[in-house]
Protein backbone atom coordinates (compact mmCIF):
# COMPACT_ATOMS: atom_id res chain seq x y z
CA UNK A 1 68.57 113.35 112.73
CA UNK A 2 68.14 109.59 112.52
CA UNK A 3 66.47 107.40 109.91
CA UNK A 4 64.79 104.00 110.20
CA UNK A 5 66.43 101.26 108.12
CA UNK A 6 64.47 98.05 107.50
CA UNK A 7 66.09 94.85 106.22
CA UNK A 8 64.06 92.44 104.11
CA UNK A 9 63.27 89.61 104.22
CA UNK A 10 62.62 89.38 107.93
CA UNK A 11 61.89 93.00 108.86
CA UNK A 12 64.91 93.60 111.11
CA UNK A 13 65.24 97.32 111.83
CA UNK A 14 67.91 99.72 113.03
CA UNK A 15 68.37 103.50 113.08
CA UNK A 16 71.13 105.38 111.29
CA UNK A 17 72.23 108.91 112.07
CA UNK A 18 72.72 111.36 109.23
CA UNK A 19 76.21 110.83 107.80
CA UNK A 20 76.70 107.52 109.62
CA UNK A 21 77.68 104.56 107.46
CA UNK A 22 74.86 102.02 107.36
CA UNK A 23 77.16 99.17 108.37
CA UNK A 24 78.41 101.08 111.42
CA UNK A 25 74.84 101.83 112.49
CA UNK A 26 73.73 98.21 112.10
CA UNK A 27 76.66 96.78 114.04
CA UNK A 28 76.33 99.43 116.75
CA UNK A 29 72.78 98.20 117.39
CA UNK A 30 73.58 94.49 117.19
CA UNK A 31 72.01 93.91 113.78
CA UNK A 32 73.92 91.29 111.78
CA UNK A 33 75.08 92.46 108.36
CA UNK A 34 77.64 90.54 106.35
CA UNK A 35 80.89 92.50 106.10
CA UNK A 36 84.65 92.12 106.01
CA UNK A 37 86.96 94.95 104.91
CA UNK A 38 84.76 97.96 105.81
CA UNK A 39 86.55 99.90 103.06
CA UNK A 40 84.42 99.24 99.95
CA UNK A 41 86.75 96.61 98.51
CA UNK A 42 85.43 93.13 99.31
CA UNK A 43 81.74 93.63 98.48
CA UNK A 44 80.56 91.51 101.41
CA UNK A 45 78.15 94.18 102.70
CA UNK A 46 76.37 94.67 99.37
CA UNK A 47 72.56 94.99 99.60
CA UNK A 48 69.75 96.07 97.28
CA UNK A 49 68.05 99.43 97.81
CA UNK A 50 64.27 98.89 97.73
CA UNK A 51 63.15 102.37 98.75
CA UNK A 52 64.58 105.57 100.16
CA UNK A 53 67.48 107.89 99.42
CA UNK A 54 71.15 107.39 100.28
CA UNK A 55 74.44 109.28 100.21
CA UNK A 56 77.38 107.33 98.76
CA UNK A 57 81.04 107.86 99.59
CA UNK A 58 82.84 110.17 97.15
CA UNK A 59 85.34 107.37 96.57
CA UNK A 60 84.32 104.87 93.90
CA UNK A 61 84.81 101.50 95.62
CA UNK A 62 86.40 98.64 93.74
CA UNK A 63 83.75 96.12 94.76
CA UNK A 64 80.95 98.05 93.04
CA UNK A 65 82.57 97.82 89.61
CA UNK A 66 79.92 96.33 87.35
CA UNK A 67 77.36 96.09 90.16
CA UNK A 68 73.70 96.20 89.23
CA UNK A 69 71.83 99.47 89.51
CA UNK A 70 70.34 99.95 92.95
CA UNK A 71 72.97 98.00 94.83
CA UNK A 72 74.57 99.61 97.86
CA UNK A 73 77.69 98.93 99.89
CA UNK A 74 76.64 99.49 103.51
CA UNK A 75 80.18 100.45 104.55
CA UNK A 76 80.17 103.25 101.95
CA UNK A 77 76.62 104.63 102.18
CA UNK A 78 74.61 106.69 104.66
CA UNK A 79 70.89 107.41 104.83
CA UNK A 80 69.16 110.55 103.60
CA UNK A 81 65.70 109.19 104.43
CA UNK A 82 64.07 106.10 105.89
CA UNK A 83 65.28 103.05 103.94
CA UNK A 84 64.17 99.57 102.99
CA UNK A 85 67.05 97.29 101.99
CA UNK A 86 67.09 93.71 100.74
CA UNK A 87 69.84 91.58 102.28
CA UNK A 88 70.66 87.99 101.34
CA UNK A 89 71.93 87.27 104.85
CA UNK A 90 68.77 85.76 106.38
CA UNK A 91 68.03 82.96 103.90
CA UNK A 92 65.46 80.74 105.57
CA UNK A 93 67.12 81.12 108.98
CA UNK A 94 67.33 84.07 111.33
CA UNK A 95 70.72 85.70 111.94
CA UNK A 96 72.46 84.57 115.10
CA UNK A 97 73.06 87.22 117.76
CA UNK A 98 76.39 89.02 117.48
CA UNK A 99 78.42 88.76 120.69
CA UNK A 100 81.61 90.35 122.00
CA UNK A 101 83.67 87.90 124.04
CA UNK A 102 87.16 87.88 125.48
CA UNK A 103 89.24 84.83 124.62
CA UNK A 104 92.77 83.64 125.25
CA UNK A 105 95.27 82.30 122.74
CA UNK A 106 95.36 78.55 123.38
CA UNK A 107 97.80 77.54 120.66
CA UNK A 108 99.70 78.54 117.51
CA UNK A 109 100.95 75.81 115.20
CA UNK A 110 102.48 75.69 111.75
CA UNK A 111 101.05 73.98 108.67
CA UNK A 112 102.67 72.57 105.54
CA UNK A 113 102.65 76.09 104.05
CA UNK A 114 105.39 78.40 105.33
CA UNK A 115 103.04 81.39 105.41
CA UNK A 116 100.00 79.75 107.05
CA UNK A 117 99.49 78.86 110.69
CA UNK A 118 96.58 77.67 112.82
CA UNK A 119 95.50 79.89 115.69
CA UNK A 120 93.35 78.48 118.51
CA UNK A 121 91.44 80.80 120.85
CA UNK A 122 89.78 79.53 124.01
CA UNK A 123 86.62 81.24 125.26
CA UNK A 124 85.26 81.04 128.80
CA UNK A 125 83.20 77.86 129.10
CA UNK A 126 80.12 79.82 130.14
CA UNK A 127 80.45 82.07 127.06
CA UNK A 128 80.42 79.70 124.08
CA UNK A 129 79.89 81.34 120.69
CA UNK A 130 76.88 80.18 118.69
CA UNK A 131 77.80 80.16 114.99
CA UNK A 132 77.03 78.41 111.72
CA UNK A 133 79.98 76.60 110.14
CA UNK A 134 81.30 78.84 107.38
CA UNK A 135 80.80 82.12 109.25
CA UNK A 136 83.55 84.42 110.47
CA UNK A 137 84.33 86.66 113.44
CA UNK A 138 86.32 89.83 114.02
CA UNK A 139 89.42 89.40 116.19
CA UNK A 140 90.80 92.45 118.00
CA UNK A 141 94.12 92.44 119.83
CA UNK A 142 94.80 94.42 123.00
CA UNK A 143 96.67 96.91 120.78
CA UNK A 144 93.42 97.59 118.92
CA UNK A 145 94.29 95.76 115.68
CA UNK A 146 91.10 94.29 114.21
CA UNK A 147 90.87 91.60 111.51
CA UNK A 148 88.18 89.24 110.18
CA UNK A 149 88.83 85.47 110.12
CA UNK A 150 86.62 82.50 109.32
CA UNK A 151 86.08 79.80 111.92
CA UNK A 152 87.75 76.66 110.57
CA UNK A 153 85.73 73.90 112.19
CA UNK A 154 82.19 72.60 112.56
CA UNK A 155 79.86 73.64 115.36
CA UNK A 156 79.88 71.85 118.67
CA UNK A 157 83.16 73.37 119.89
CA UNK A 158 81.99 76.92 120.45
CA UNK A 159 84.29 77.46 123.44
CA UNK A 160 87.48 76.81 121.43
CA UNK A 161 87.77 78.50 118.04
CA UNK A 162 90.28 77.64 115.32
CA UNK A 163 91.45 79.95 112.54
CA UNK A 164 93.76 79.61 109.53
CA UNK A 165 95.99 82.69 109.33
CA UNK A 166 98.04 83.62 106.25
CA UNK A 167 101.07 85.85 106.80
CA UNK A 168 100.78 89.24 105.14
CA UNK A 169 104.27 90.80 105.48
CA UNK A 170 103.94 94.23 107.02
CA UNK A 171 100.56 93.41 108.53
CA UNK A 172 100.24 94.48 112.15
CA UNK A 173 98.20 91.40 113.06
CA UNK A 174 100.04 88.63 111.23
CA UNK A 175 103.61 89.92 111.66
CA UNK A 176 103.27 89.39 115.40
CA UNK A 177 101.91 85.86 115.01
CA UNK A 178 104.68 84.75 112.66
CA UNK A 179 107.53 86.41 114.58
CA UNK A 180 108.74 83.63 116.88
CA UNK A 181 111.63 85.64 118.37
CA UNK A 182 110.12 88.93 119.45
CA UNK A 183 106.53 90.01 120.07
CA UNK A 184 104.67 86.85 119.14
CA UNK A 185 101.61 86.47 121.39
CA UNK A 186 101.87 83.38 123.52
CA UNK A 187 99.39 81.17 125.32
CA UNK A 188 97.10 83.32 127.43
CA UNK A 189 97.29 86.43 125.22
CA UNK A 190 93.88 88.18 125.36
CA UNK A 191 91.91 88.65 122.12
CA UNK A 192 88.40 90.07 121.69
CA UNK A 193 86.12 87.90 119.55
CA UNK A 194 83.10 89.56 117.91
CA UNK A 195 80.58 87.71 115.77
CA UNK A 196 79.39 85.64 114.11
CA UNK A 197 79.16 87.39 110.74
CA UNK A 198 78.77 86.28 107.15
CA UNK A 199 76.35 84.38 104.93
CA UNK A 200 78.61 81.40 104.20
CA UNK A 201 76.70 78.53 105.75
CA UNK A 202 75.32 75.44 104.03
CA UNK A 203 71.70 75.98 102.98
CA UNK A 204 69.08 73.30 103.53
CA UNK A 205 68.39 72.20 99.96
CA UNK A 206 68.78 69.28 97.57
CA UNK A 207 70.97 71.11 95.05
CA UNK A 208 74.44 69.69 94.35
CA UNK A 209 77.19 71.82 95.84
CA UNK A 210 80.36 73.44 94.50
CA UNK A 211 82.83 74.48 97.20
CA UNK A 212 85.39 76.97 95.86
CA UNK A 213 88.38 78.08 97.93
CA UNK A 214 91.58 79.98 97.31
CA UNK A 215 94.37 79.96 99.88
CA UNK A 216 93.12 80.23 103.44
CA UNK A 217 89.61 80.62 102.06
CA UNK A 218 89.70 76.88 102.71
CA UNK A 219 88.99 77.53 106.42
CA UNK A 220 85.20 78.09 106.19
CA UNK A 221 84.92 75.42 103.50
CA UNK A 222 86.54 72.95 105.91
CA UNK A 223 84.01 73.93 108.57
CA UNK A 224 81.11 73.36 106.18
CA UNK A 225 82.39 69.97 105.03
CA UNK A 226 82.91 68.82 108.61
CA UNK A 227 79.39 69.94 109.50
CA UNK A 228 77.90 68.13 106.50
CA UNK A 229 79.71 64.95 107.51
CA UNK A 230 78.62 65.36 111.13
CA UNK A 231 74.97 65.73 110.10
CA UNK A 232 75.10 62.90 107.56
CA UNK A 233 74.25 65.13 104.60
CA UNK A 234 74.61 63.22 101.33
CA UNK A 235 74.26 65.94 98.69
CA UNK A 236 76.88 65.67 95.92
CA UNK A 237 79.77 68.01 96.74
CA UNK A 238 82.81 69.06 94.71
CA UNK A 239 85.64 70.90 96.43
CA UNK A 240 87.92 72.99 94.21
CA UNK A 241 90.87 74.40 96.15
CA UNK A 242 93.32 76.72 94.43
CA UNK A 243 96.79 77.90 95.39
CA UNK A 244 99.83 79.35 93.67
CA UNK A 245 102.04 76.40 94.58
CA UNK A 246 101.21 72.87 95.83
CA UNK A 247 102.41 73.78 99.34
CA UNK A 248 99.65 76.40 99.52
CA UNK A 249 97.15 73.53 99.72
CA UNK A 250 98.23 73.02 103.31
CA UNK A 251 95.56 70.41 104.18
CA UNK A 252 95.65 68.52 100.91
CA UNK A 253 95.92 65.15 102.69
CA UNK A 254 92.76 65.85 104.68
CA UNK A 255 90.82 66.69 101.51
CA UNK A 256 92.00 63.51 99.83
CA UNK A 257 90.89 61.56 102.90
CA UNK A 258 87.42 63.09 102.65
CA UNK A 259 87.20 62.13 98.98
CA UNK A 260 88.23 58.54 99.71
CA UNK A 261 85.95 58.09 102.72
CA UNK A 262 82.79 59.93 101.68
CA UNK A 263 80.60 58.85 98.76
CA UNK A 264 79.47 61.77 96.64
CA UNK A 265 82.38 64.00 97.64
CA UNK A 266 85.16 64.84 95.19
CA UNK A 267 88.26 66.99 95.56
CA UNK A 268 89.96 68.89 92.74
CA UNK A 269 93.16 70.76 93.70
CA UNK A 270 94.29 73.47 91.29
CA UNK A 271 97.71 75.18 91.17
CA UNK A 272 98.29 78.39 89.23
CA UNK A 273 102.09 78.87 89.40
CA UNK A 274 103.68 75.43 89.72
CA UNK A 275 107.39 75.21 88.90
CA UNK A 276 109.46 72.25 87.71
CA UNK A 277 110.67 71.54 91.24
CA UNK A 278 107.07 71.01 92.38
CA UNK A 279 106.61 68.06 90.00
CA UNK A 280 102.92 68.98 89.97
CA UNK A 281 100.78 66.57 87.93
CA UNK A 282 97.35 68.00 88.72
CA UNK A 283 95.14 70.76 87.34
CA UNK A 284 96.61 74.19 86.64
CA UNK A 285 95.25 77.70 86.11
CA UNK A 286 92.55 79.73 87.83
CA UNK A 287 90.54 77.64 90.26
CA UNK A 288 87.13 78.95 89.17
CA UNK A 289 88.01 78.19 85.55
CA UNK A 290 88.53 74.56 86.53
CA UNK A 291 84.91 74.49 87.70
CA UNK A 292 83.75 75.89 84.36
CA UNK A 293 85.81 73.35 82.45
CA UNK A 294 84.13 70.53 84.36
CA UNK A 295 80.56 71.84 84.56
CA UNK A 296 79.29 74.04 81.73
CA UNK A 297 75.79 74.47 83.19
CA UNK A 298 75.60 75.53 86.84
CA UNK A 299 71.90 76.42 86.85
CA UNK A 300 70.98 73.64 89.28
CA UNK A 301 73.93 74.12 91.67
CA UNK A 302 74.66 76.00 94.86
CA UNK A 303 78.13 77.57 94.97
CA UNK A 304 79.99 78.53 98.16
CA UNK A 305 83.16 80.55 97.58
CA UNK A 306 85.76 82.04 99.89
CA UNK A 307 89.20 83.51 99.29
CA UNK A 308 90.85 86.43 97.56
CA UNK A 309 88.39 89.09 96.32
CA UNK A 310 89.56 88.73 92.71
CA UNK A 311 88.84 84.98 92.80
CA UNK A 312 85.44 85.34 94.45
CA UNK A 313 84.28 88.16 92.16
CA UNK A 314 85.57 86.43 89.02
CA UNK A 315 83.67 83.31 90.01
CA UNK A 316 80.51 85.26 90.81
CA UNK A 317 80.50 87.03 87.46
CA UNK A 318 81.64 84.16 85.22
CA UNK A 319 79.43 81.52 86.82
CA UNK A 320 76.39 83.74 86.35
CA UNK A 321 77.21 85.18 82.92
CA UNK A 322 78.65 82.07 81.26
CA UNK A 323 77.33 79.08 83.21
CA UNK A 324 73.82 80.23 84.09
CA UNK A 325 74.19 80.16 87.88
CA UNK A 326 71.26 82.03 89.49
CA UNK A 327 72.38 85.06 91.49
CA UNK A 328 70.73 83.72 94.64
CA UNK A 329 72.68 80.44 94.42
CA UNK A 330 76.11 82.01 94.97
CA UNK A 331 77.19 82.44 98.60
CA UNK A 332 80.54 84.02 99.33
CA UNK A 333 82.89 85.82 101.66
CA UNK A 334 86.05 87.49 100.32
CA UNK A 335 89.33 87.85 102.23
CA UNK A 336 90.82 91.35 102.21
CA UNK A 337 94.25 92.05 103.69
CA UNK A 338 95.59 95.28 105.17
CA UNK A 339 97.69 95.60 102.01
CA UNK A 340 94.52 95.46 99.90
CA UNK A 341 92.98 98.22 102.00
CA UNK A 342 95.96 100.54 101.62
CA UNK A 343 96.31 99.95 97.89
CA UNK A 344 92.63 99.80 96.98
CA UNK A 345 93.39 96.76 94.85
CA UNK A 346 91.87 93.32 95.21
CA UNK A 347 95.05 91.26 95.07
CA UNK A 348 95.02 87.48 94.85
CA UNK A 349 95.83 85.53 97.97
């Protein structure tokens, strides 16, 4: 038996079989729903149940801790009746069509951080990917390993995609990329690209902007900043980028260049575990706490956050509870590693 599922606002509809996870049903029918881990950890697929009955997974997912009554994780819920759900994905703009394309590895290069590299994937010229800067795609290797990564550049280069990849030791995807002696995929290696997904694009508004990144969560933030510069957007923007050590801020020089060249843009790097050898003279501690120290009242702001789930969720909760940020003014994607999935713990990246 199948049930009709309607997404508001917008009225997009798909059908879910009994026992089928709502996220699986939506993606199977080409309906864009924000998602990342598919395991109930990151919270990216959270929606509000307006009407209908659902079955939840027996496992209590980490990402629903403290969630408001009536919220549903689409990767952990199936339909028991026709449903109406409220999704924040289409905010003033319709979702872009999700496509599956075959690309080839065009380059792999190191950054200033030992555990971060930049992966370039070339798509066929006739098959450019339409995306909004800040969104992500799923990459699947020929061995069937699937991971989600944010596109790290502005639009206009849809036939060549760039990603920032952090090494997760033991990870089937990243171990191969960082192993230069054995099975590292070289130029021409085939990768399936599926997307775009995610709700992390810059909204058309006058509100000042906080950009919050941890680790390689900088990738979609970089894309959004480049797009804002390309379009000549002059809204005040503050970029807070957090890492454990200074080297984790692998494009620090680029951010400082933006701050020097662009009126209204400021950059605040934050390091949580600096040692004496780093000679770090900047801000320390949790990156979202640095925002709260600088701006006590966030009611008039839009916040875009990407990075480790613990950073994104801490920011979401504290900005709303302590700083008065409206729920609808927080836009985020969380990064979840294979290690997070196996442990069920949202570890910092």
